[in-house]
Amino acid sequence: MATLLRRLVDLGRSDDEVAADELRDAASAHGCRPITDETDREVVTVAGTVTAVTLRPKVTVPALVADVFDGSGTVQLVWLGRRSIGGINPGVYVKATGLVCRPKGTPVMYNPAYEILPGHGG
């Protein structure tokens, strides 16, 4: 009955809203916290879908950056000294743990521990 009620409620919502809810539910099932405006200078575990991967080339230290959307917000995972990481590609579901900071207002984790998960079902 609850599933039927949820489907009826979902009819009035956009696909993006439904997908965001599913990501939040999956992250919660993995024991992760949502990224919120209050999350700063805390060690947290987040889970979400990699939406973009970029390389910030520097002469001295390159940095690989993965934007991860957890259904509530986006966090940037930054690996200093890395040009690529096998498996970290757009569309991959990842769980990461690290210290969240906001150097320019955007939540960032530098050199987080991470795990690639098979999907976003609990």
PDB file of N, CA and C in Angstrom:
ATOM      1  N   MET A   1       0.825  -1.194   0.000  1.00  0.00           N
ATOM      2  CA  MET A   1       0.000   0.000   0.000  1.00  0.00           C
ATOM      3  C   MET A   1       0.863   1.249   0.000  1.00  0.00           C
ATOM      4  N   ALA A   2       1.934   1.228   0.809  1.00  0.00           N
ATOM      5  CA  ALA A   2       2.825   2.390   0.871  1.00  0.00           C
ATOM      6  C   ALA A   2       3.499   2.636  -0.474  1.00  0.00           C
ATOM      7  N   THR A   3       3.851   1.536  -1.173  1.00  0.00           N
ATOM      8  CA  THR A   3       4.483   1.667  -2.488  1.00  0.00           C
ATOM      9  C   THR A   3       3.523   2.300  -3.479  1.00  0.00           C
ATOM     10  N   LEU A   4       2.262   1.914  -3.447  1.00  0.00           N
ATOM     11  CA  LEU A   4       1.254   2.487  -4.342  1.00  0.00           C
ATOM     12  C   LEU A   4       1.067   3.971  -4.049  1.00  0.00           C
ATOM     13  N   LEU A   5       1.001   4.321  -2.774  1.00  0.00           N
ATOM     14  CA  LEU A   5       0.853   5.725  -2.399  1.00  0.00           C
ATOM     15  C   LEU A   5       2.052   6.546  -2.859  1.00  0.00           C
ATOM     16  N   ARG A   6       3.245   5.981  -2.696  1.00  0.00           N
ATOM     17  CA  ARG A   6       4.460   6.697  -3.136  1.00  0.00           C
ATOM     18  C   ARG A   6       4.446   6.908  -4.645  1.00  0.00           C
ATOM     19  N   ARG A   7       4.019   5.907  -5.403  1.00  0.00           N
ATOM     20  CA  ARG A   7       3.950   6.047  -6.868  1.00  0.00           C
ATOM     21  C   ARG A   7       2.957   7.122  -7.270  1.00  0.00           C
ATOM     22  N   LEU A   8       1.836   7.205  -6.567  1.00  0.00           N
ATOM     23  CA  LEU A   8       0.851   8.242  -6.885  1.00  0.00           C
ATOM     24  C   LEU A   8       1.404   9.629  -6.587  1.00  0.00           C
ATOM     25  N   VAL A   9       2.124   9.765  -5.484  1.00  0.00           N
ATOM     26  CA  VAL A   9       2.741  11.046  -5.150  1.00  0.00           C
ATOM     27  C   VAL A   9       3.808  11.394  -6.187  1.00  0.00           C
ATOM     28  N   ASP A  10       4.574  10.389  -6.632  1.00  0.00           N
ATOM     29  CA  ASP A  10       5.641  10.603  -7.607  1.00  0.00           C
ATOM     30  C   ASP A  10       5.126  11.059  -8.966  1.00  0.00           C
ATOM     31  N   LEU A  11       3.857  10.797  -9.278  1.00  0.00           N
ATOM     32  CA  LEU A  11       3.304  11.203 -10.577  1.00  0.00           C
ATOM     33  C   LEU A  11       3.340  12.709 -10.773  1.00  0.00           C
ATOM     34  N   GLY A  12       3.234  13.469  -9.699  1.00  0.00           N
ATOM     35  CA  GLY A  12       3.225  14.925  -9.802  1.00  0.00           C
ATOM     36  C   GLY A  12       4.597  15.556  -9.706  1.00  0.00           C
ATOM     37  N   ARG A  13       5.646  14.738  -9.662  1.00  0.00           N
ATOM     38  CA  ARG A  13       6.999  15.261  -9.501  1.00  0.00           C
ATOM     39  C   ARG A  13       7.834  14.986 -10.739  1.00  0.00           C
ATOM     40  N   SER A  14       8.864  15.788 -10.913  1.00  0.00           N
ATOM     41  CA  SER A  14       9.742  15.610 -12.074  1.00  0.00           C
ATOM     42  C   SER A  14      10.625  14.379 -11.883  1.00  0.00           C
ATOM     43  N   ASP A  15      11.187  13.899 -12.982  1.00  0.00           N
ATOM     44  CA  ASP A  15      12.106  12.764 -12.928  1.00  0.00           C
ATOM     45  C   ASP A  15      13.325  13.086 -12.075  1.00  0.00           C
ATOM     46  N   ASP A  16      13.799  14.339 -12.149  1.00  0.00           N
ATOM     47  CA  ASP A  16      14.962  14.746 -11.351  1.00  0.00           C
ATOM     48  C   ASP A  16      14.659  14.683  -9.855  1.00  0.00           C
ATOM     49  N   GLU A  17      13.462  15.098  -9.457  1.00  0.00           N
ATOM     50  CA  GLU A  17      13.077  15.053  -8.044  1.00  0.00           C
ATOM     51  C   GLU A  17      12.982  13.615  -7.551  1.00  0.00           C
ATOM     52  N   VAL A  18      12.416  12.745  -8.359  1.00  0.00           N
ATOM     53  CA  VAL A  18      12.294  11.334  -7.988  1.00  0.00           C
ATOM     54  C   VAL A  18      13.683  10.703  -7.882  1.00  0.00           C
ATOM     55  N   ALA A  19      14.565  10.998  -8.846  1.00  0.00           N
ATOM     56  CA  ALA A  19      15.928  10.457  -8.825  1.00  0.00           C
ATOM     57  C   ALA A  19      16.696  10.964  -7.604  1.00  0.00           C
ATOM     58  N   ALA A  20      16.529  12.239  -7.254  1.00  0.00           N
ATOM     59  CA  ALA A  20      17.198  12.800  -6.080  1.00  0.00           C
ATOM     60  C   ALA A  20      16.729  12.097  -4.808  1.00  0.00           C
ATOM     61  N   ASP A  21      15.427  11.841  -4.701  1.00  0.00           N
ATOM     62  CA  ASP A  21      14.901  11.117  -3.538  1.00  0.00           C
ATOM     63  C   ASP A  21      15.502   9.712  -3.457  1.00  0.00           C
ATOM     64  N   GLU A  22      15.606   9.044  -4.603  1.00  0.00           N
ATOM     65  CA  GLU A  22      16.181   7.700  -4.620  1.00  0.00           C
ATOM     66  C   GLU A  22      17.642   7.726  -4.174  1.00  0.00           C
ATOM     67  N   LEU A  23      18.400   8.739  -4.617  1.00  0.00           N
ATOM     68  CA  LEU A  23      19.795   8.856  -4.197  1.00  0.00           C
ATOM     69  C   LEU A  23      19.900   9.118  -2.702  1.00  0.00           C
ATOM     70  N   ARG A  24      19.042   9.986  -2.161  1.00  0.00           N
ATOM     71  CA  ARG A  24      19.054  10.253  -0.713  1.00  0.00           C
ATOM     72  C   ARG A  24      18.730   8.980   0.068  1.00  0.00           C
ATOM     73  N   ASP A  25      17.729   8.236  -0.397  1.00  0.00           N
ATOM     74  CA  ASP A  25      17.356   6.985   0.278  1.00  0.00           C
ATOM     75  C   ASP A  25      18.498   5.975   0.237  1.00  0.00           C
ATOM     76  N   ALA A  26      19.156   5.854  -0.916  1.00  0.00           N
ATOM     77  CA  ALA A  26      20.264   4.905  -1.060  1.00  0.00           C
ATOM     78  C   ALA A  26      21.428   5.304  -0.168  1.00  0.00           C
ATOM     79  N   ALA A  27      21.755   6.598  -0.125  1.00  0.00           N
ATOM     80  CA  ALA A  27      22.852   7.062   0.725  1.00  0.00           C
ATOM     81  C   ALA A  27      22.548   6.771   2.187  1.00  0.00           C
ATOM     82  N   SER A  28      21.325   7.005   2.589  1.00  0.00           N
ATOM     83  CA  SER A  28      20.910   6.729   3.960  1.00  0.00           C
ATOM     84  C   SER A  28      21.027   5.233   4.262  1.00  0.00           C
ATOM     85  N   ALA A  29      20.655   4.393   3.302  1.00  0.00           N
ATOM     86  CA  ALA A  29      20.747   2.943   3.479  1.00  0.00           C
ATOM     87  C   ALA A  29      22.199   2.494   3.655  1.00  0.00           C
ATOM     88  N   HIS A  30      23.146   3.252   3.097  1.00  0.00           N
ATOM     89  CA  HIS A  30      24.570   2.944   3.238  1.00  0.00           C
ATOM     90  C   HIS A  30      25.167   3.598   4.483  1.00  0.00           C
ATOM     91  N   GLY A  31      24.318   4.225   5.309  1.00  0.00           N
ATOM     92  CA  GLY A  31      24.783   4.846   6.546  1.00  0.00           C
ATOM     93  C   GLY A  31      25.447   6.193   6.352  1.00  0.00           C
ATOM     94  N   CYS A  32      25.110   6.882   5.272  1.00  0.00           N
ATOM     95  CA  CYS A  32      25.754   8.156   4.943  1.00  0.00           C
ATOM     96  C   CYS A  32      24.876   9.337   5.311  1.00  0.00           C
ATOM     97  N   ARG A  33      25.534  10.479   5.498  1.00  0.00           N
ATOM     98  CA  ARG A  33      24.831  11.724   5.794  1.00  0.00           C
ATOM     99  C   ARG A  33      24.651  12.534   4.524  1.00  0.00           C
ATOM    100  N   PRO A  34      23.553  13.294   4.442  1.00  0.00           N
ATOM    101  CA  PRO A  34      23.396  14.186   3.288  1.00  0.00           C
ATOM    102  C   PRO A  34      24.324  15.390   3.407  1.00  0.00           C
ATOM    103  N   ILE A  35      24.698  15.933   2.257  1.00  0.00           N
ATOM    104  CA  ILE A  35      25.492  17.163   2.242  1.00  0.00           C
ATOM    105  C   ILE A  35      24.519  18.322   2.411  1.00  0.00           C
ATOM    106  N   THR A  36      24.731  19.102   3.450  1.00  0.00           N
ATOM    107  CA  THR A  36      23.871  20.257   3.701  1.00  0.00           C
ATOM    108  C   THR A  36      24.743  21.503   3.849  1.00  0.00           C
ATOM    109  N   ASP A  37      24.111  22.659   3.936  1.00  0.00           N
ATOM    110  CA  ASP A  37      24.846  23.908   4.112  1.00  0.00           C
ATOM    111  C   ASP A  37      25.611  23.939   5.430  1.00  0.00           C
ATOM    112  N   GLU A  38      25.163  23.169   6.421  1.00  0.00           N
ATOM    113  CA  GLU A  38      25.797  23.163   7.729  1.00  0.00           C
ATOM    114  C   GLU A  38      27.002  22.226   7.801  1.00  0.00           C
ATOM    115  N   THR A  39      27.168  21.350   6.802  1.00  0.00           N
ATOM    116  CA  THR A  39      28.261  20.390   6.824  1.00  0.00           C
ATOM    117  C   THR A  39      29.570  21.115   6.511  1.00  0.00           C
ATOM    118  N   ASP A  40      30.414  21.286   7.523  1.00  0.00           N
ATOM    119  CA  ASP A  40      31.691  21.971   7.337  1.00  0.00           C
ATOM    120  C   ASP A  40      32.646  21.568   8.453  1.00  0.00           C
ATOM    121  N   ARG A  41      33.874  21.271   8.074  1.00  0.00           N
ATOM    122  CA  ARG A  41      34.938  20.900   9.009  1.00  0.00           C
ATOM    123  C   ARG A  41      34.556  19.707   9.880  1.00  0.00           C
ATOM    124  N   GLU A  42      33.926  18.733   9.231  1.00  0.00           N
ATOM    125  CA  GLU A  42      33.535  17.498   9.896  1.00  0.00           C
ATOM    126  C   GLU A  42      33.976  16.322   9.039  1.00  0.00           C
ATOM    127  N   VAL A  43      34.328  15.220   9.675  1.00  0.00           N
ATOM    128  CA  VAL A  43      34.590  13.990   8.942  1.00  0.00           C
ATOM    129  C   VAL A  43      33.241  13.306   8.744  1.00  0.00           C
ATOM    130  N   VAL A  44      32.869  13.107   7.492  1.00  0.00           N
ATOM    131  CA  VAL A  44      31.586  12.491   7.173  1.00  0.00           C
ATOM    132  C   VAL A  44      31.775  11.436   6.091  1.00  0.00           C
ATOM    133  N   THR A  45      30.774  10.590   5.975  1.00  0.00           N
ATOM    134  CA  THR A  45      30.711   9.621   4.890  1.00  0.00           C
ATOM    135  C   THR A  45      29.520   9.979   4.032  1.00  0.00           C
ATOM    136  N   VAL A  46      29.760  10.105   2.732  1.00  0.00           N
ATOM    137  CA  VAL A  46      28.713  10.432   1.780  1.00  0.00           C
ATOM    138  C   VAL A  46      28.686   9.360   0.696  1.00  0.00           C
ATOM    139  N   ALA A  47      27.553   9.250   0.028  1.00  0.00           N
ATOM    140  CA  ALA A  47      27.440   8.331  -1.106  1.00  0.00           C
ATOM    141  C   ALA A  47      26.598   9.003  -2.167  1.00  0.00           C
ATOM    142  N   GLY A  48      26.982   8.829  -3.410  1.00  0.00           N
ATOM    143  CA  GLY A  48      26.222   9.424  -4.495  1.00  0.00           C
ATOM    144  C   GLY A  48      26.804   9.052  -5.843  1.00  0.00           C
ATOM    145  N   THR A  49      26.232   9.650  -6.867  1.00  0.00           N
ATOM    146  CA  THR A  49      26.628   9.390  -8.239  1.00  0.00           C
ATOM    147  C   THR A  49      27.644  10.426  -8.695  1.00  0.00           C
ATOM    148  N   VAL A  50      28.715   9.958  -9.316  1.00  0.00           N
ATOM    149  CA  VAL A  50      29.708  10.864  -9.889  1.00  0.00           C
ATOM    150  C   VAL A  50      29.076  11.521 -11.116  1.00  0.00           C
ATOM    151  N   THR A  51      28.975  12.846 -11.088  1.00  0.00           N
ATOM    152  CA  THR A  51      28.360  13.573 -12.198  1.00  0.00           C
ATOM    153  C   THR A  51      29.380  14.145 -13.166  1.00  0.00           C
ATOM    154  N   ALA A  52      30.615  14.370 -12.701  1.00  0.00           N
ATOM    155  CA  ALA A  52      31.667  14.906 -13.569  1.00  0.00           C
ATOM    156  C   ALA A  52      33.024  14.569 -12.981  1.00  0.00           C
ATOM    157  N   VAL A  53      33.990  14.363 -13.867  1.00  0.00           N
ATOM    158  CA  VAL A  53      35.372  14.129 -13.452  1.00  0.00           C
ATOM    159  C   VAL A  53      36.248  15.060 -14.267  1.00  0.00           C
ATOM    160  N   THR A  54      37.076  15.837 -13.586  1.00  0.00           N
ATOM    161  CA  THR A  54      37.963  16.760 -14.288  1.00  0.00           C
ATOM    162  C   THR A  54      39.378  16.635 -13.729  1.00  0.00           C
ATOM    163  N   LEU A  55      40.339  17.013 -14.558  1.00  0.00           N
ATOM    164  CA  LEU A  55      41.732  17.039 -14.150  1.00  0.00           C
ATOM    165  C   LEU A  55      42.164  18.487 -14.104  1.00  0.00           C
ATOM    166  N   ARG A  56      42.663  18.894 -12.952  1.00  0.00           N
ATOM    167  CA  ARG A  56      43.213  20.244 -12.812  1.00  0.00           C
ATOM    168  C   ARG A  56      44.728  20.119 -12.957  1.00  0.00           C
ATOM    169  N   PRO A  57      45.205  20.298 -14.182  1.00  0.00           N
ATOM    170  CA  PRO A  57      46.654  20.124 -14.375  1.00  0.00           C
ATOM    171  C   PRO A  57      47.437  21.282 -13.778  1.00  0.00           C
ATOM    172  N   LYS A  58      48.407  20.953 -13.027  1.00  0.00           N
ATOM    173  CA  LYS A  58      49.326  21.934 -12.458  1.00  0.00           C
ATOM    174  C   LYS A  58      50.725  21.436 -12.768  1.00  0.00           C
ATOM    175  N   VAL A  59      51.659  22.346 -12.901  1.00  0.00           N
ATOM    176  CA  VAL A  59      53.031  21.954 -13.172  1.00  0.00           C
ATOM    177  C   VAL A  59      53.587  21.157 -11.999  1.00  0.00           C
ATOM    178  N   THR A  60      53.259  21.568 -10.785  1.00  0.00           N
ATOM    179  CA  THR A  60      53.824  20.903  -9.619  1.00  0.00           C
ATOM    180  C   THR A  60      52.968  19.736  -9.129  1.00  0.00           C
ATOM    181  N   VAL A  61      51.664  19.956  -8.908  1.00  0.00           N
ATOM    182  CA  VAL A  61      50.802  18.907  -8.359  1.00  0.00           C
ATOM    183  C   VAL A  61      49.469  18.877  -9.109  1.00  0.00           C
ATOM    184  N   PRO A  62      49.208  17.816  -9.901  1.00  0.00           N
ATOM    185  CA  PRO A  62      47.903  17.710 -10.536  1.00  0.00           C
ATOM    186  C   PRO A  62      46.844  17.324  -9.506  1.00  0.00           C
ATOM    187  N   ALA A  63      45.584  17.532  -9.856  1.00  0.00           N
ATOM    188  CA  ALA A  63      44.495  17.152  -8.960  1.00  0.00           C
ATOM    189  C   ALA A  63      43.341  16.588  -9.783  1.00  0.00           C
ATOM    190  N   LEU A  64      42.869  15.417  -9.405  1.00  0.00           N
ATOM    191  CA  LEU A  64      41.696  14.812 -10.020  1.00  0.00           C
ATOM    192  C   LEU A  64      40.489  15.194  -9.183  1.00  0.00           C
ATOM    193  N   VAL A  65      39.442  15.726  -9.823  1.00  0.00           N
ATOM    194  CA  VAL A  65      38.257  16.204  -9.118  1.00  0.00           C
ATOM    195  C   VAL A  65      37.034  15.450  -9.622  1.00  0.00           C
ATOM    196  N   ALA A  66      36.278  14.861  -8.695  1.00  0.00           N
ATOM    197  CA  ALA A  66      35.025  14.178  -9.042  1.00  0.00           C
ATOM    198  C   ALA A  66      33.890  14.882  -8.298  1.00  0.00           C
ATOM    199  N   ASP A  67      32.899  15.356  -9.053  1.00  0.00           N
ATOM    200  CA  ASP A  67      31.695  15.930  -8.452  1.00  0.00           C
ATOM    201  C   ASP A  67      30.736  14.788  -8.155  1.00  0.00           C
ATOM    202  N   VAL A  68      30.276  14.700  -6.903  1.00  0.00           N
ATOM    203  CA  VAL A  68      29.383  13.618  -6.480  1.00  0.00           C
ATOM    204  C   VAL A  68      28.085  14.227  -5.970  1.00  0.00           C
ATOM    205  N   PHE A  69      26.962  13.805  -6.569  1.00  0.00           N
ATOM    206  CA  PHE A  69      25.626  14.269  -6.170  1.00  0.00           C
ATOM    207  C   PHE A  69      24.970  13.183  -5.347  1.00  0.00           C
ATOM    208  N   ASP A  70      24.530  13.554  -4.124  1.00  0.00           N
ATOM    209  CA  ASP A  70      23.930  12.569  -3.212  1.00  0.00           C
ATOM    210  C   ASP A  70      22.418  12.703  -3.094  1.00  0.00           C
ATOM    211  N   GLY A  71      21.826  13.531  -3.936  1.00  0.00           N
ATOM    212  CA  GLY A  71      20.383  13.738  -3.875  1.00  0.00           C
ATOM    213  C   GLY A  71      20.012  14.991  -3.123  1.00  0.00           C
ATOM    214  N   SER A  72      20.930  15.472  -2.271  1.00  0.00           N
ATOM    215  CA  SER A  72      20.655  16.695  -1.516  1.00  0.00           C
ATOM    216  C   SER A  72      21.596  17.821  -1.928  1.00  0.00           C
ATOM    217  N   GLY A  73      22.767  17.459  -2.426  1.00  0.00           N
ATOM    218  CA  GLY A  73      23.748  18.451  -2.832  1.00  0.00           C
ATOM    219  C   GLY A  73      24.933  17.771  -3.489  1.00  0.00           C
ATOM    220  N   THR A  74      25.898  18.581  -3.893  1.00  0.00           N
ATOM    221  CA  THR A  74      27.090  18.070  -4.560  1.00  0.00           C
ATOM    222  C   THR A  74      28.313  18.337  -3.704  1.00  0.00           C
ATOM    223  N   VAL A  75      29.173  17.345  -3.627  1.00  0.00           N
ATOM    224  CA  VAL A  75      30.454  17.482  -2.943  1.00  0.00           C
ATOM    225  C   VAL A  75      31.541  17.166  -3.967  1.00  0.00           C
ATOM    226  N   GLN A  76      32.650  17.893  -3.901  1.00  0.00           N
ATOM    227  CA  GLN A  76      33.781  17.615  -4.768  1.00  0.00           C
ATOM    228  C   GLN A  76      34.779  16.747  -4.016  1.00  0.00           C
ATOM    229  N   LEU A  77      35.138  15.628  -4.636  1.00  0.00           N
ATOM    230  CA  LEU A  77      36.187  14.772  -4.102  1.00  0.00           C
ATOM    231  C   LEU A  77      37.446  15.117  -4.874  1.00  0.00           C
ATOM    232  N   VAL A  78      38.500  15.532  -4.175  1.00  0.00           N
ATOM    233  CA  VAL A  78      39.732  15.979  -4.823  1.00  0.00           C
ATOM    234  C   VAL A  78      40.882  15.088  -4.365  1.00  0.00           C
ATOM    235  N   TRP A  79      41.524  14.445  -5.342  1.00  0.00           N
ATOM    236  CA  TRP A  79      42.701  13.640  -5.050  1.00  0.00           C
ATOM    237  C   TRP A  79      43.918  14.389  -5.583  1.00  0.00           C
ATOM    238  N   LEU A  80      44.732  14.892  -4.674  1.00  0.00           N
ATOM    239  CA  LEU A  80      45.926  15.640  -5.052  1.00  0.00           C
ATOM    240  C   LEU A  80      47.009  14.672  -5.529  1.00  0.00           C
ATOM    241  N   GLY A  81      47.707  15.054  -6.594  1.00  0.00           N
ATOM    242  CA  GLY A  81      48.776  14.229  -7.125  1.00  0.00           C
ATOM    243  C   GLY A  81      48.313  13.096  -8.018  1.00  0.00           C
ATOM    244  N   ARG A  82      47.040  13.065  -8.343  1.00  0.00           N
ATOM    245  CA  ARG A  82      46.489  11.984  -9.188  1.00  0.00           C
ATOM    246  C   ARG A  82      45.994  12.555 -10.507  1.00  0.00           C
ATOM    247  N   ARG A  83      46.270  11.841 -11.589  1.00  0.00           N
ATOM    248  CA  ARG A  83      45.767  12.235 -12.904  1.00  0.00           C
ATOM    249  C   ARG A  83      44.548  11.400 -13.294  1.00  0.00           C
ATOM    250  N   SER A  84      44.420  10.231 -12.703  1.00  0.00           N
ATOM    251  CA  SER A  84      43.253   9.376 -12.936  1.00  0.00           C
ATOM    252  C   SER A  84      43.178   8.350 -11.814  1.00  0.00           C
ATOM    253  N   ILE A  85      41.962   7.814 -11.642  1.00  0.00           N
ATOM    254  CA  ILE A  85      41.737   6.718 -10.692  1.00  0.00           C
ATOM    255  C   ILE A  85      40.816   5.740 -11.404  1.00  0.00           C
ATOM    256  N   GLY A  86      41.250   4.515 -11.556  1.00  0.00           N
ATOM    257  CA  GLY A  86      40.453   3.497 -12.224  1.00  0.00           C
ATOM    258  C   GLY A  86      39.080   3.355 -11.593  1.00  0.00           C
ATOM    259  N   GLY A  87      38.048   3.435 -12.407  1.00  0.00           N
ATOM    260  CA  GLY A  87      36.681   3.275 -11.923  1.00  0.00           C
ATOM    261  C   GLY A  87      35.979   4.567 -11.553  1.00  0.00           C
ATOM    262  N   ILE A  88      36.716   5.640 -11.338  1.00  0.00           N
ATOM    263  CA  ILE A  88      36.081   6.923 -11.011  1.00  0.00           C
ATOM    264  C   ILE A  88      35.728   7.609 -12.334  1.00  0.00           C
ATOM    265  N   ASN A  89      34.490   7.399 -12.744  1.00  0.00           N
ATOM    266  CA  ASN A  89      33.968   7.928 -14.005  1.00  0.00           C
ATOM    267  C   ASN A  89      32.562   8.453 -13.789  1.00  0.00           C
ATOM    268  N   PRO A  90      32.086   9.351 -14.647  1.00  0.00           N
ATOM    269  CA  PRO A  90      30.693   9.811 -14.529  1.00  0.00           C
ATOM    270  C   PRO A  90      29.719   8.633 -14.571  1.00  0.00           C
ATOM    271  N   GLY A  91      28.723   8.676 -13.683  1.00  0.00           N
ATOM    272  CA  GLY A  91      27.707   7.635 -13.619  1.00  0.00           C
ATOM    273  C   GLY A  91      27.977   6.572 -12.569  1.00  0.00           C
ATOM    274  N   VAL A  92      29.198   6.505 -12.049  1.00  0.00           N
ATOM    275  CA  VAL A  92      29.562   5.514 -11.040  1.00  0.00           C
ATOM    276  C   VAL A  92      28.998   5.954  -9.692  1.00  0.00           C
ATOM    277  N   TYR A  93      28.547   4.973  -8.913  1.00  0.00           N
ATOM    278  CA  TYR A  93      28.048   5.244  -7.564  1.00  0.00           C
ATOM    279  C   TYR A  93      29.192   5.005  -6.593  1.00  0.00           C
ATOM    280  N   VAL A  94      29.508   5.997  -5.775  1.00  0.00           N
ATOM    281  CA  VAL A  94      30.678   5.930  -4.907  1.00  0.00           C
ATOM    282  C   VAL A  94      30.318   6.349  -3.483  1.00  0.00           C
ATOM    283  N   LYS A  95      31.025   5.751  -2.533  1.00  0.00           N
ATOM    284  CA  LYS A  95      30.901   6.103  -1.117  1.00  0.00           C
ATOM    285  C   LYS A  95      32.268   6.645  -0.700  1.00  0.00           C
ATOM    286  N   ALA A  96      32.285   7.814  -0.053  1.00  0.00           N
ATOM    287  CA  ALA A  96      33.561   8.435   0.313  1.00  0.00           C
ATOM    288  C   ALA A  96      33.515   8.958   1.744  1.00  0.00           C
ATOM    289  N   THR A  97      34.655   8.867   2.409  1.00  0.00           N
ATOM    290  CA  THR A  97      34.783   9.361   3.780  1.00  0.00           C
ATOM    291  C   THR A  97      35.971  10.309   3.846  1.00  0.00           C
ATOM    292  N   GLY A  98      35.722  11.466   4.451  1.00  0.00           N
ATOM    293  CA  GLY A  98      36.799  12.430   4.606  1.00  0.00           C
ATOM    294  C   GLY A  98      36.322  13.675   5.324  1.00  0.00           C
ATOM    295  N   LEU A  99      37.254  14.604   5.493  1.00  0.00           N
ATOM    296  CA  LEU A  99      36.960  15.881   6.125  1.00  0.00           C
ATOM    297  C   LEU A  99      36.356  16.818   5.094  1.00  0.00           C
ATOM    298  N   VAL A 100      35.158  17.313   5.363  1.00  0.00           N
ATOM    299  CA  VAL A 100      34.504  18.260   4.460  1.00  0.00           C
ATOM    300  C   VAL A 100      34.921  19.671   4.850  1.00  0.00           C
ATOM    301  N   CYS A 101      35.365  20.432   3.868  1.00  0.00           N
ATOM    302  CA  CYS A 101      35.654  21.844   4.083  1.00  0.00           C
ATOM    303  C   CYS A 101      35.026  22.627   2.930  1.00  0.00           C
ATOM    304  N   ARG A 102      34.948  23.915   3.082  1.00  0.00           N
ATOM    305  CA  ARG A 102      34.319  24.776   2.078  1.00  0.00           C
ATOM    306  C   ARG A 102      35.243  25.949   1.752  1.00  0.00           C
ATOM    307  N   PRO A 103      36.323  25.692   0.991  1.00  0.00           N
ATOM    308  CA  PRO A 103      37.264  26.771   0.719  1.00  0.00           C
ATOM    309  C   PRO A 103      36.666  27.941  -0.066  1.00  0.00           C
ATOM    310  N   LYS A 104      35.719  27.677  -0.946  1.00  0.00           N
ATOM    311  CA  LYS A 104      35.061  28.747  -1.714  1.00  0.00           C
ATOM    312  C   LYS A 104      33.544  28.578  -1.668  1.00  0.00           C
ATOM    313  N   GLY A 105      33.049  28.013  -0.577  1.00  0.00           N
ATOM    314  CA  GLY A 105      31.611  27.819  -0.428  1.00  0.00           C
ATOM    315  C   GLY A 105      31.115  26.456  -0.865  1.00  0.00           C
ATOM    316  N   THR A 106      31.874  25.767  -1.715  1.00  0.00           N
ATOM    317  CA  THR A 106      31.494  24.445  -2.200  1.00  0.00           C
ATOM    318  C   THR A 106      32.082  23.384  -1.286  1.00  0.00           C
ATOM    319  N   PRO A 107      31.283  22.381  -0.873  1.00  0.00           N
ATOM    320  CA  PRO A 107      31.845  21.326  -0.021  1.00  0.00           C
ATOM    321  C   PRO A 107      32.878  20.500  -0.793  1.00  0.00           C
ATOM    322  N   VAL A 108      34.037  20.302  -0.169  1.00  0.00           N
ATOM    323  CA  VAL A 108      35.155  19.591  -0.787  1.00  0.00           C
ATOM    324  C   VAL A 108      35.737  18.612   0.219  1.00  0.00           C
ATOM    325  N   MET A 109      36.121  17.426  -0.271  1.00  0.00           N
ATOM    326  CA  MET A 109      36.886  16.456   0.519  1.00  0.00           C
ATOM    327  C   MET A 109      38.204  16.247  -0.214  1.00  0.00           C
ATOM    328  N   TYR A 110      39.319  16.468   0.472  1.00  0.00           N
ATOM    329  CA  TYR A 110      40.625  16.237  -0.123  1.00  0.00           C
ATOM    330  C   TYR A 110      41.115  14.844   0.236  1.00  0.00           C
ATOM    331  N   ASN A 111      41.554  14.108  -0.792  1.00  0.00           N
ATOM    332  CA  ASN A 111      42.107  12.759  -0.647  1.00  0.00           C
ATOM    333  C   ASN A 111      41.237  11.848   0.223  1.00  0.00           C
ATOM    334  N   PRO A 112      39.934  11.748  -0.107  1.00  0.00           N
ATOM    335  CA  PRO A 112      39.057  10.916   0.727  1.00  0.00           C
ATOM    336  C   PRO A 112      39.306   9.428   0.499  1.00  0.00           C
ATOM    337  N   ALA A 113      38.968   8.646   1.507  1.00  0.00           N
ATOM    338  CA  ALA A 113      38.887   7.199   1.326  1.00  0.00           C
ATOM    339  C   ALA A 113      37.611   6.964   0.533  1.00  0.00           C
ATOM    340  N   TYR A 114      37.636   6.018  -0.390  1.00  0.00           N
ATOM    341  CA  TYR A 114      36.448   5.829  -1.220  1.00  0.00           C
ATOM    342  C   TYR A 114      36.236   4.352  -1.534  1.00  0.00           C
ATOM    343  N   GLU A 115      35.013   4.056  -1.918  1.00  0.00           N
ATOM    344  CA  GLU A 115      34.625   2.697  -2.312  1.00  0.00           C
ATOM    345  C   GLU A 115      33.629   2.830  -3.453  1.00  0.00           C
ATOM    346  N   ILE A 116      33.882   2.127  -4.530  1.00  0.00           N
ATOM    347  CA  ILE A 116      32.936   2.119  -5.643  1.00  0.00           C
ATOM    348  C   ILE A 116      31.901   1.052  -5.326  1.00  0.00           C
ATOM    349  N   LEU A 117      30.625   1.450  -5.339  1.00  0.00           N
ATOM    350  CA  LEU A 117      29.542   0.529  -4.999  1.00  0.00           C
ATOM    351  C   LEU A 117      28.831   0.081  -6.266  1.00  0.00           C
ATOM    352  N   PRO A 118      28.254  -1.110  -6.255  1.00  0.00           N
ATOM    353  CA  PRO A 118      27.643  -1.646  -7.459  1.00  0.00           C
ATOM    354  C   PRO A 118      26.414  -0.908  -7.966  1.00  0.00           C
ATOM    355  N   GLY A 119      25.768  -0.139  -7.148  1.00  0.00           N
ATOM    356  CA  GLY A 119      24.561   0.578  -7.566  1.00  0.00           C
ATOM    357  C   GLY A 119      24.029   1.355  -6.392  1.00  0.00           C
ATOM    358  N   HIS A 120      22.901   2.000  -6.577  1.00  0.00           N
ATOM    359  CA  HIS A 120      22.397   2.758  -5.450  1.00  0.00           C
ATOM    360  C   HIS A 120      21.176   2.126  -4.820  1.00  0.00           C
ATOM    361  N   GLY A 121      21.097   0.811  -4.891  1.00  0.00           N
ATOM    362  CA  GLY A 121      20.124   0.091  -4.085  1.00  0.00           C
ATOM    363  C   GLY A 121      20.810  -0.342  -2.810  1.00  0.00           C
ATOM    364  N   GLY A 122      20.130  -0.282  -1.642  1.00  0.00           N
ATOM    365  CA  GLY A 122      20.735  -0.612  -0.360  1.00  0.00           C
ATOM    366  C   GLY A 122      21.381  -1.933  -0.368  1.00  0.00           C
TER     367      GLY A 122
END
